[in-house]
Amino acid sequence: MTTISATERAAAQAYLRLLESTQAVLTDPGLAPYAGMMLTSPMAEADEALRAAGLAGNEDRLLRLVSALRTPPAAVPGRDPAA
């Protein structure tokens, strides 16, 4: 099980928001031309959160944290989903 600090959780969540924002903007033909402008804020938020958590340049740890956030509790071996 991956133990996640508050700053790591914030960084992983900011990264996920950036991914979701990017996907939303780039899949909408009307918004795609404005991607740079629309993604500036989510990129800055993710950059700052990654720096604050000490994850800038540590993609392996970041992706493990993101995976831990996205894994439903019932899917984690040895974890009781009712707990």
PDB file of N, CA and C in Angstrom:
ATOM      1  N   MET A   1       0.848  -1.180   0.000  1.00  0.00           N
ATOM      2  CA  MET A   1       0.000   0.000   0.000  1.00  0.00           C
ATOM      3  C   MET A   1       0.895   1.245   0.000  1.00  0.00           C
ATOM      4  N   THR A   2       0.508   2.235  -0.746  1.00  0.00           N
ATOM      5  CA  THR A   2       1.255   3.473  -0.824  1.00  0.00           C
ATOM      6  C   THR A   2       0.725   4.463   0.213  1.00  0.00           C
ATOM      7  N   THR A   3       1.630   4.944   1.073  1.00  0.00           N
ATOM      8  CA  THR A   3       1.248   5.967   2.045  1.00  0.00           C
ATOM      9  C   THR A   3       1.382   7.322   1.369  1.00  0.00           C
ATOM     10  N   ILE A   4       0.339   8.136   1.489  1.00  0.00           N
ATOM     11  CA  ILE A   4       0.299   9.414   0.786  1.00  0.00           C
ATOM     12  C   ILE A   4       0.185  10.548   1.795  1.00  0.00           C
ATOM     13  N   SER A   5       1.117  11.497   1.717  1.00  0.00           N
ATOM     14  CA  SER A   5       1.049  12.684   2.571  1.00  0.00           C
ATOM     15  C   SER A   5       0.037  13.659   1.972  1.00  0.00           C
ATOM     16  N   ALA A   6      -0.327  14.647   2.751  1.00  0.00           N
ATOM     17  CA  ALA A   6      -1.290  15.651   2.270  1.00  0.00           C
ATOM     18  C   ALA A   6      -0.765  16.394   1.048  1.00  0.00           C
ATOM     19  N   THR A   7       0.522  16.754   1.044  1.00  0.00           N
ATOM     20  CA  THR A   7       1.068  17.483  -0.108  1.00  0.00           C
ATOM     21  C   THR A   7       1.190  16.575  -1.328  1.00  0.00           C
ATOM     22  N   GLU A   8       1.484  15.294  -1.112  1.00  0.00           N
ATOM     23  CA  GLU A   8       1.539  14.362  -2.240  1.00  0.00           C
ATOM     24  C   GLU A   8       0.148  14.148  -2.823  1.00  0.00           C
ATOM     25  N   ARG A   9      -0.839  14.031  -1.956  1.00  0.00           N
ATOM     26  CA  ARG A   9      -2.223  13.865  -2.428  1.00  0.00           C
ATOM     27  C   ARG A   9      -2.649  15.085  -3.246  1.00  0.00           C
ATOM     28  N   ALA A  10      -2.325  16.273  -2.748  1.00  0.00           N
ATOM     29  CA  ALA A  10      -2.672  17.505  -3.469  1.00  0.00           C
ATOM     30  C   ALA A  10      -1.981  17.534  -4.836  1.00  0.00           C
ATOM     31  N   ALA A  11      -0.736  17.102  -4.892  1.00  0.00           N
ATOM     32  CA  ALA A  11       0.002  17.088  -6.156  1.00  0.00           C
ATOM     33  C   ALA A  11      -0.613  16.094  -7.135  1.00  0.00           C
ATOM     34  N   ALA A  12      -0.935  14.898  -6.655  1.00  0.00           N
ATOM     35  CA  ALA A  12      -1.532  13.889  -7.527  1.00  0.00           C
ATOM     36  C   ALA A  12      -2.898  14.358  -8.030  1.00  0.00           C
ATOM     37  N   GLN A  13      -3.668  14.999  -7.171  1.00  0.00           N
ATOM     38  CA  GLN A  13      -4.974  15.506  -7.581  1.00  0.00           C
ATOM     39  C   GLN A  13      -4.836  16.644  -8.593  1.00  0.00           C
ATOM     40  N   ALA A  14      -3.857  17.509  -8.401  1.00  0.00           N
ATOM     41  CA  ALA A  14      -3.616  18.597  -9.364  1.00  0.00           C
ATOM     42  C   ALA A  14      -3.200  18.024 -10.714  1.00  0.00           C
ATOM     43  N   TYR A  15      -2.376  16.989 -10.690  1.00  0.00           N
ATOM     44  CA  TYR A  15      -1.946  16.317 -11.922  1.00  0.00           C
ATOM     45  C   TYR A  15      -3.170  15.722 -12.630  1.00  0.00           C
ATOM     46  N   LEU A  16      -4.051  15.066 -11.882  1.00  0.00           N
ATOM     47  CA  LEU A  16      -5.251  14.489 -12.484  1.00  0.00           C
ATOM     48  C   LEU A  16      -6.167  15.565 -13.057  1.00  0.00           C
ATOM     49  N   ARG A  17      -6.293  16.685 -12.357  1.00  0.00           N
ATOM     50  CA  ARG A  17      -7.105  17.794 -12.890  1.00  0.00           C
ATOM     51  C   ARG A  17      -6.508  18.310 -14.196  1.00  0.00           C
ATOM     52  N   LEU A  18      -5.189  18.407 -14.253  1.00  0.00           N
ATOM     53  CA  LEU A  18      -4.533  18.854 -15.485  1.00  0.00           C
ATOM     54  C   LEU A  18      -4.800  17.864 -16.623  1.00  0.00           C
ATOM     55  N   LEU A  19      -4.676  16.569 -16.344  1.00  0.00           N
ATOM     56  CA  LEU A  19      -4.948  15.567 -17.384  1.00  0.00           C
ATOM     57  C   LEU A  19      -6.387  15.654 -17.877  1.00  0.00           C
ATOM     58  N   GLU A  20      -7.322  15.767 -16.950  1.00  0.00           N
ATOM     59  CA  GLU A  20      -8.734  15.829 -17.326  1.00  0.00           C
ATOM     60  C   GLU A  20      -9.059  17.112 -18.083  1.00  0.00           C
ATOM     61  N   SER A  21      -8.466  18.223 -17.668  1.00  0.00           N
ATOM     62  CA  SER A  21      -8.673  19.497 -18.368  1.00  0.00           C
ATOM     63  C   SER A  21      -8.108  19.430 -19.772  1.00  0.00           C
ATOM     64  N   THR A  22      -6.921  18.855 -19.892  1.00  0.00           N
ATOM     65  CA  THR A  22      -6.275  18.728 -21.199  1.00  0.00           C
ATOM     66  C   THR A  22      -7.129  17.887 -22.132  1.00  0.00           C
ATOM     67  N   GLN A  23      -7.610  16.773 -21.630  1.00  0.00           N
ATOM     68  CA  GLN A  23      -8.454  15.903 -22.446  1.00  0.00           C
ATOM     69  C   GLN A  23      -9.723  16.633 -22.879  1.00  0.00           C
ATOM     70  N   ALA A  24     -10.349  17.338 -21.963  1.00  0.00           N
ATOM     71  CA  ALA A  24     -11.588  18.054 -22.283  1.00  0.00           C
ATOM     72  C   ALA A  24     -11.353  19.124 -23.349  1.00  0.00           C
ATOM     73  N   VAL A  25     -10.289  19.878 -23.193  1.00  0.00           N
ATOM     74  CA  VAL A  25     -10.008  20.963 -24.135  1.00  0.00           C
ATOM     75  C   VAL A  25      -9.629  20.417 -25.507  1.00  0.00           C
ATOM     76  N   LEU A  26      -8.777  19.410 -25.541  1.00  0.00           N
ATOM     77  CA  LEU A  26      -8.277  18.922 -26.831  1.00  0.00           C
ATOM     78  C   LEU A  26      -9.277  18.054 -27.578  1.00  0.00           C
ATOM     79  N   THR A  27     -10.291  17.544 -26.907  1.00  0.00           N
ATOM     80  CA  THR A  27     -11.293  16.752 -27.616  1.00  0.00           C
ATOM     81  C   THR A  27     -12.464  17.590 -28.112  1.00  0.00           C
ATOM     82  N   ASP A  28     -12.497  18.852 -27.738  1.00  0.00           N
ATOM     83  CA  ASP A  28     -13.554  19.754 -28.191  1.00  0.00           C
ATOM     84  C   ASP A  28     -12.975  20.643 -29.287  1.00  0.00           C
ATOM     85  N   PRO A  29     -13.393  20.428 -30.539  1.00  0.00           N
ATOM     86  CA  PRO A  29     -12.834  21.213 -31.634  1.00  0.00           C
ATOM     87  C   PRO A  29     -12.982  22.726 -31.451  1.00  0.00           C
ATOM     88  N   GLY A  30     -14.003  23.147 -30.745  1.00  0.00           N
ATOM     89  CA  GLY A  30     -14.208  24.577 -30.510  1.00  0.00           C
ATOM     90  C   GLY A  30     -13.232  25.149 -29.489  1.00  0.00           C
ATOM     91  N   LEU A  31     -12.757  24.305 -28.579  1.00  0.00           N
ATOM     92  CA  LEU A  31     -11.844  24.768 -27.530  1.00  0.00           C
ATOM     93  C   LEU A  31     -10.373  24.532 -27.862  1.00  0.00           C
ATOM     94  N   ALA A  32     -10.103  23.542 -28.704  1.00  0.00           N
ATOM     95  CA  ALA A  32      -8.715  23.172 -29.004  1.00  0.00           C
ATOM     96  C   ALA A  32      -7.824  24.354 -29.393  1.00  0.00           C
ATOM     97  N   PRO A  33      -8.304  25.305 -30.190  1.00  0.00           N
ATOM     98  CA  PRO A  33      -7.433  26.431 -30.548  1.00  0.00           C
ATOM     99  C   PRO A  33      -7.026  27.291 -29.341  1.00  0.00           C
ATOM    100  N   TYR A  34      -7.771  27.182 -28.257  1.00  0.00           N
ATOM    101  CA  TYR A  34      -7.492  27.987 -27.063  1.00  0.00           C
ATOM    102  C   TYR A  34      -6.802  27.173 -25.961  1.00  0.00           C
ATOM    103  N   ALA A  35      -6.290  26.016 -26.317  1.00  0.00           N
ATOM    104  CA  ALA A  35      -5.707  25.108 -25.323  1.00  0.00           C
ATOM    105  C   ALA A  35      -4.626  25.775 -24.485  1.00  0.00           C
ATOM    106  N   GLY A  36      -3.722  26.483 -25.116  1.00  0.00           N
ATOM    107  CA  GLY A  36      -2.642  27.135 -24.366  1.00  0.00           C
ATOM    108  C   GLY A  36      -3.164  28.071 -23.299  1.00  0.00           C
ATOM    109  N   MET A  37      -4.125  28.870 -23.682  1.00  0.00           N
ATOM    110  CA  MET A  37      -4.699  29.834 -22.744  1.00  0.00           C
ATOM    111  C   MET A  37      -5.508  29.131 -21.652  1.00  0.00           C
ATOM    112  N   MET A  38      -6.274  28.123 -22.027  1.00  0.00           N
ATOM    113  CA  MET A  38      -7.160  27.455 -21.074  1.00  0.00           C
ATOM    114  C   MET A  38      -6.417  26.533 -20.114  1.00  0.00           C
ATOM    115  N   LEU A  39      -5.237  26.065 -20.502  1.00  0.00           N
ATOM    116  CA  LEU A  39      -4.502  25.127 -19.657  1.00  0.00           C
ATOM    117  C   LEU A  39      -3.397  25.782 -18.834  1.00  0.00           C
ATOM    118  N   THR A  40      -3.219  27.072 -18.994  1.00  0.00           N
ATOM    119  CA  THR A  40      -2.173  27.777 -18.242  1.00  0.00           C
ATOM    120  C   THR A  40      -2.360  27.629 -16.741  1.00  0.00           C
ATOM    121  N   SER A  41      -3.558  27.838 -16.261  1.00  0.00           N
ATOM    122  CA  SER A  41      -3.814  27.761 -14.822  1.00  0.00           C
ATOM    123  C   SER A  41      -3.652  26.340 -14.277  1.00  0.00           C
ATOM    124  N   PRO A  42      -4.257  25.311 -14.916  1.00  0.00           N
ATOM    125  CA  PRO A  42      -4.058  23.956 -14.407  1.00  0.00           C
ATOM    126  C   PRO A  42      -2.590  23.516 -14.452  1.00  0.00           C
ATOM    127  N   MET A  43      -1.846  23.969 -15.462  1.00  0.00           N
ATOM    128  CA  MET A  43      -0.415  23.623 -15.531  1.00  0.00           C
ATOM    129  C   MET A  43       0.355  24.270 -14.395  1.00  0.00           C
ATOM    130  N   ALA A  44       0.063  25.527 -14.121  1.00  0.00           N
ATOM    131  CA  ALA A  44       0.744  26.230 -13.029  1.00  0.00           C
ATOM    132  C   ALA A  44       0.405  25.592 -11.688  1.00  0.00           C
ATOM    133  N   GLU A  45      -0.864  25.232 -11.496  1.00  0.00           N
ATOM    134  CA  GLU A  45      -1.274  24.582 -10.255  1.00  0.00           C
ATOM    135  C   GLU A  45      -0.537  23.254 -10.078  1.00  0.00           C
ATOM    136  N   ALA A  46      -0.477  22.445 -11.124  1.00  0.00           N
ATOM    137  CA  ALA A  46       0.198  21.150 -11.040  1.00  0.00           C
ATOM    138  C   ALA A  46       1.691  21.327 -10.786  1.00  0.00           C
ATOM    139  N   ASP A  47       2.326  22.260 -11.487  1.00  0.00           N
ATOM    140  CA  ASP A  47       3.759  22.520 -11.279  1.00  0.00           C
ATOM    141  C   ASP A  47       4.046  22.892  -9.831  1.00  0.00           C
ATOM    142  N   GLU A  48       3.247  23.805  -9.289  1.00  0.00           N
ATOM    143  CA  GLU A  48       3.463  24.248  -7.906  1.00  0.00           C
ATOM    144  C   GLU A  48       3.234  23.114  -6.922  1.00  0.00           C
ATOM    145  N   ALA A  49       2.171  22.349  -7.133  1.00  0.00           N
ATOM    146  CA  ALA A  49       1.868  21.237  -6.226  1.00  0.00           C
ATOM    147  C   ALA A  49       2.959  20.166  -6.284  1.00  0.00           C
ATOM    148  N   LEU A  50       3.476  19.890  -7.471  1.00  0.00           N
ATOM    149  CA  LEU A  50       4.562  18.906  -7.602  1.00  0.00           C
ATOM    150  C   LEU A  50       5.823  19.382  -6.893  1.00  0.00           C
ATOM    151  N   ARG A  51       6.141  20.651  -7.043  1.00  0.00           N
ATOM    152  CA  ARG A  51       7.314  21.211  -6.344  1.00  0.00           C
ATOM    153  C   ARG A  51       7.125  21.145  -4.827  1.00  0.00           C
ATOM    154  N   ALA A  52       5.953  21.542  -4.358  1.00  0.00           N
ATOM    155  CA  ALA A  52       5.681  21.564  -2.918  1.00  0.00           C
ATOM    156  C   ALA A  52       5.772  20.169  -2.304  1.00  0.00           C
ATOM    157  N   ALA A  53       5.409  19.149  -3.066  1.00  0.00           N
ATOM    158  CA  ALA A  53       5.436  17.774  -2.570  1.00  0.00           C
ATOM    159  C   ALA A  53       6.779  17.095  -2.807  1.00  0.00           C
ATOM    160  N   GLY A  54       7.703  17.815  -3.467  1.00  0.00           N
ATOM    161  CA  GLY A  54       8.998  17.200  -3.770  1.00  0.00           C
ATOM    162  C   GLY A  54       8.915  16.161  -4.875  1.00  0.00           C
ATOM    163  N   LEU A  55       7.919  16.282  -5.733  1.00  0.00           N
ATOM    164  CA  LEU A  55       7.717  15.302  -6.795  1.00  0.00           C
ATOM    165  C   LEU A  55       8.172  15.782  -8.165  1.00  0.00           C
ATOM    166  N   ALA A  56       8.609  17.019  -8.271  1.00  0.00           N
ATOM    167  CA  ALA A  56       9.081  17.518  -9.570  1.00  0.00           C
ATOM    168  C   ALA A  56      10.266  16.657 -10.006  1.00  0.00           C
ATOM    169  N   GLY A  57      10.139  16.023 -11.147  1.00  0.00           N
ATOM    170  CA  GLY A  57      11.201  15.164 -11.645  1.00  0.00           C
ATOM    171  C   GLY A  57      11.144  13.741 -11.101  1.00  0.00           C
ATOM    172  N   ASN A  58      10.145  13.426 -10.290  1.00  0.00           N
ATOM    173  CA  ASN A  58      10.004  12.086  -9.730  1.00  0.00           C
ATOM    174  C   ASN A  58       8.714  11.463 -10.261  1.00  0.00           C
ATOM    175  N   GLU A  59       8.713  11.199 -11.563  1.00  0.00           N
ATOM    176  CA  GLU A  59       7.520  10.693 -12.220  1.00  0.00           C
ATOM    177  C   GLU A  59       7.096   9.334 -11.685  1.00  0.00           C
ATOM    178  N   ASP A  60       8.058   8.496 -11.331  1.00  0.00           N
ATOM    179  CA  ASP A  60       7.735   7.165 -10.817  1.00  0.00           C
ATOM    180  C   ASP A  60       6.865   7.261  -9.565  1.00  0.00           C
ATOM    181  N   ARG A  61       7.282   8.074  -8.607  1.00  0.00           N
ATOM    182  CA  ARG A  61       6.516   8.247  -7.372  1.00  0.00           C
ATOM    183  C   ARG A  61       5.156   8.893  -7.671  1.00  0.00           C
ATOM    184  N   LEU A  62       5.138   9.914  -8.516  1.00  0.00           N
ATOM    185  CA  LEU A  62       3.884  10.584  -8.859  1.00  0.00           C
ATOM    186  C   LEU A  62       2.888   9.604  -9.458  1.00  0.00           C
ATOM    187  N   LEU A  63       3.322   8.792 -10.404  1.00  0.00           N
ATOM    188  CA  LEU A  63       2.403   7.863 -11.061  1.00  0.00           C
ATOM    189  C   LEU A  63       1.926   6.774 -10.102  1.00  0.00           C
ATOM    190  N   ARG A  64       2.761   6.367  -9.150  1.00  0.00           N
ATOM    191  CA  ARG A  64       2.302   5.428  -8.121  1.00  0.00           C
ATOM    192  C   ARG A  64       1.229   6.077  -7.243  1.00  0.00           C
ATOM    193  N   LEU A  65       1.406   7.350  -6.916  1.00  0.00           N
ATOM    194  CA  LEU A  65       0.413   8.065  -6.108  1.00  0.00           C
ATOM    195  C   LEU A  65      -0.901   8.210  -6.868  1.00  0.00           C
ATOM    196  N   VAL A  66      -0.799   8.576  -8.134  1.00  0.00           N
ATOM    197  CA  VAL A  66      -2.002   8.721  -8.971  1.00  0.00           C
ATOM    198  C   VAL A  66      -2.724   7.383  -9.057  1.00  0.00           C
ATOM    199  N   SER A  67      -1.971   6.321  -9.241  1.00  0.00           N
ATOM    200  CA  SER A  67      -2.561   4.990  -9.308  1.00  0.00           C
ATOM    201  C   SER A  67      -3.255   4.637  -7.992  1.00  0.00           C
ATOM    202  N   ALA A  68      -2.625   4.975  -6.878  1.00  0.00           N
ATOM    203  CA  ALA A  68      -3.230   4.698  -5.572  1.00  0.00           C
ATOM    204  C   ALA A  68      -4.526   5.485  -5.386  1.00  0.00           C
ATOM    205  N   LEU A  69      -4.569   6.713  -5.892  1.00  0.00           N
ATOM    206  CA  LEU A  69      -5.791   7.517  -5.780  1.00  0.00           C
ATOM    207  C   LEU A  69      -6.909   6.965  -6.656  1.00  0.00           C
ATOM    208  N   ARG A  70      -6.543   6.405  -7.790  1.00  0.00           N
ATOM    209  CA  ARG A  70      -7.537   5.926  -8.746  1.00  0.00           C
ATOM    210  C   ARG A  70      -7.972   4.484  -8.502  1.00  0.00           C
ATOM    211  N   THR A  71      -7.283   3.757  -7.624  1.00  0.00           N
ATOM    212  CA  THR A  71      -7.624   2.374  -7.344  1.00  0.00           C
ATOM    213  C   THR A  71      -8.722   2.331  -6.285  1.00  0.00           C
ATOM    214  N   PRO A  72      -9.854   1.723  -6.603  1.00  0.00           N
ATOM    215  CA  PRO A  72     -10.928   1.623  -5.606  1.00  0.00           C
ATOM    216  C   PRO A  72     -10.450   0.822  -4.394  1.00  0.00           C
ATOM    217  N   PRO A  73     -10.854   1.195  -3.186  1.00  0.00           N
ATOM    218  CA  PRO A  73     -10.406   0.490  -1.978  1.00  0.00           C
ATOM    219  C   PRO A  73     -10.628  -1.020  -2.039  1.00  0.00           C
ATOM    220  N   ALA A  74     -11.721  -1.468  -2.636  1.00  0.00           N
ATOM    221  CA  ALA A  74     -12.003  -2.902  -2.710  1.00  0.00           C
ATOM    222  C   ALA A  74     -10.982  -3.639  -3.564  1.00  0.00           C
ATOM    223  N   ALA A  75     -10.305  -2.934  -4.460  1.00  0.00           N
ATOM    224  CA  ALA A  75      -9.351  -3.570  -5.359  1.00  0.00           C
ATOM    225  C   ALA A  75      -7.967  -3.706  -4.747  1.00  0.00           C
ATOM    226  N   VAL A  76      -7.731  -3.109  -3.581  1.00  0.00           N
ATOM    227  CA  VAL A  76      -6.429  -3.187  -2.956  1.00  0.00           C
ATOM    228  C   VAL A  76      -6.343  -4.485  -2.164  1.00  0.00           C
ATOM    229  N   PRO A  77      -5.382  -5.365  -2.520  1.00  0.00           N
ATOM    230  CA  PRO A  77      -5.266  -6.642  -1.817  1.00  0.00           C
ATOM    231  C   PRO A  77      -5.058  -6.448  -0.324  1.00  0.00           C
ATOM    232  N   GLY A  78      -5.783  -7.237   0.481  1.00  0.00           N
ATOM    233  CA  GLY A  78      -5.622  -7.189   1.913  1.00  0.00           C
ATOM    234  C   GLY A  78      -6.357  -6.041   2.595  1.00  0.00           C
ATOM    235  N   ARG A  79      -7.080  -5.260   1.839  1.00  0.00           N
ATOM    236  CA  ARG A  79      -7.808  -4.123   2.412  1.00  0.00           C
ATOM    237  C   ARG A  79      -9.288  -4.444   2.478  1.00  0.00           C
ATOM    238  N   ASP A  80      -9.880  -4.227   3.616  1.00  0.00           N
ATOM    239  CA  ASP A  80     -11.298  -4.478   3.811  1.00  0.00           C
ATOM    240  C   ASP A  80     -12.079  -3.259   3.343  1.00  0.00           C
ATOM    241  N   PRO A  81     -12.891  -3.383   2.267  1.00  0.00           N
ATOM    242  CA  PRO A  81     -13.620  -2.220   1.754  1.00  0.00           C
ATOM    243  C   PRO A  81     -14.655  -1.677   2.741  1.00  0.00           C
ATOM    244  N   ALA A  82     -15.057  -2.484   3.725  1.00  0.00           N
ATOM    245  CA  ALA A  82     -16.033  -2.027   4.701  1.00  0.00           C
ATOM    246  C   ALA A  82     -15.386  -1.226   5.833  1.00  0.00           C
ATOM    247  N   ALA A  83     -14.067  -1.252   5.902  1.00  0.00           N
ATOM    248  CA  ALA A  83     -13.363  -0.551   6.989  1.00  0.00           C
ATOM    249  C   ALA A  83     -13.315   0.932   6.762  1.00  0.00           C
TER     250      ALA A  83
END
